[in-house]
């Protein structure tokens, strides 16, 4: 089981609308349960985001770093890392 920081959970709660039409969580506990269930990951760089998405079967060839950072499943975190949620 992965441990998500409070900052990570708050970022997901605040921005979940970029990936989902309706809220999937309303509390930090709900966000943590949802992220655990869908096996969301936190990575340290856009290179790691690209690698993770490629390994997951996503077609990221030709996407710029800015495109990756703006992808609906990528949540930039305040500490410079990235939460990747496969919806």
Protein backbone atom coordinates (compact mmCIF):
# COMPACT_ATOMS: atom_id res chain seq x y z
CA UNK A 1 0.00 0.00 0.00
CA UNK A 2 1.30 3.43 -1.00
CA UNK A 3 1.18 6.32 1.45
CA UNK A 4 0.02 9.61 -0.05
CA UNK A 5 0.98 12.87 1.64
CA UNK A 6 -1.72 15.21 2.88
CA UNK A 7 -0.55 17.72 0.25
CA UNK A 8 -1.02 15.09 -2.46
CA UNK A 9 -4.51 14.20 -1.25
CA UNK A 10 -5.54 17.85 -1.02
CA UNK A 11 -4.26 18.50 -4.55
CA UNK A 12 -6.24 15.55 -5.88
CA UNK A 13 -9.42 16.63 -4.05
CA UNK A 14 -9.10 20.18 -5.33
CA UNK A 15 -8.37 19.17 -8.95
CA UNK A 16 -10.21 15.87 -9.45
CA UNK A 17 -12.56 17.60 -11.90
CA UNK A 18 -9.77 17.66 -14.50
CA UNK A 19 -10.10 13.88 -14.83
CA UNK A 20 -13.62 13.05 -13.66
CA UNK A 21 -16.98 14.61 -14.55
CA UNK A 22 -18.25 14.09 -11.01
CA UNK A 23 -16.35 14.04 -7.71
CA UNK A 24 -14.99 10.63 -6.76
CA UNK A 25 -14.01 11.74 -3.24
CA UNK A 26 -15.07 14.45 -0.82
CA UNK A 27 -12.67 13.91 2.11
CA UNK A 28 -8.98 13.21 2.52
CA UNK A 29 -9.85 9.67 3.62
CA UNK A 30 -12.05 9.19 0.57
CA UNK A 31 -9.33 10.52 -1.71
CA UNK A 32 -6.78 8.19 -0.18
CA UNK A 33 -9.07 5.18 -0.55
CA UNK A 34 -9.81 6.07 -4.18
CA UNK A 35 -6.14 6.60 -5.07
CA UNK A 36 -5.19 3.30 -3.42
CA UNK A 37 -7.97 1.47 -5.25
CA UNK A 38 -6.88 2.73 -8.67
CA UNK A 39 -3.19 2.32 -7.76
CA UNK A 40 -2.25 5.93 -8.45
CA UNK A 41 1.46 6.68 -8.25
CA UNK A 42 3.61 9.64 -7.31
CA UNK A 43 6.71 10.16 -9.43
CA UNK A 44 9.50 12.71 -9.17
CA UNK A 45 9.76 14.11 -12.70
CA UNK A 46 8.06 14.44 -16.07
CA UNK A 47 10.50 11.85 -17.41
CA UNK A 48 9.11 9.41 -14.84
CA UNK A 49 5.55 10.43 -15.81
CA UNK A 50 6.38 9.65 -19.45
CA UNK A 51 7.97 6.32 -18.53
CA UNK A 52 5.04 5.31 -16.32
CA UNK A 53 2.46 6.18 -18.97
CA UNK A 54 4.44 4.35 -21.67
CA UNK A 55 4.64 1.25 -19.47
CA UNK A 56 0.88 1.52 -18.89
CA UNK A 57 0.27 1.41 -22.64
CA UNK A 58 -0.50 5.09 -23.21
CA UNK A 59 0.65 6.65 -26.47
CA UNK A 60 2.81 9.54 -25.30
CA UNK A 61 5.16 9.60 -28.29
CA UNK A 62 5.42 13.12 -29.61
CA UNK A 63 3.96 14.70 -26.47
CA UNK A 64 5.95 17.62 -25.13
CA UNK A 65 6.68 17.96 -21.41
CA UNK A 66 4.03 20.69 -21.27
CA UNK A 67 1.49 18.35 -22.92
CA UNK A 68 2.33 15.67 -20.36
CA UNK A 69 2.01 18.08 -17.46
CA UNK A 70 -1.40 19.20 -18.75
CA UNK A 71 -2.71 15.65 -19.31
CA UNK A 72 -5.91 15.03 -17.36
CA UNK A 73 -4.41 12.09 -15.45
CA UNK A 74 -1.34 14.06 -14.30
CA UNK A 75 -1.58 16.21 -11.18
CA UNK A 76 1.45 18.43 -10.52
CA UNK A 77 2.13 18.58 -6.78
CA UNK A 78 3.45 21.60 -4.86
CA UNK A 79 6.72 19.83 -4.04
CA UNK A 80 7.56 19.37 -7.74
CA UNK A 81 6.52 15.73 -7.98
CA UNK A 82 3.53 14.41 -9.94
CA UNK A 83 0.52 12.27 -9.03
CA UNK A 84 -0.55 10.03 -11.92
CA UNK A 85 -4.12 8.69 -11.73
CA UNK A 86 -5.44 6.32 -14.36
CA UNK A 87 -9.14 7.09 -14.58
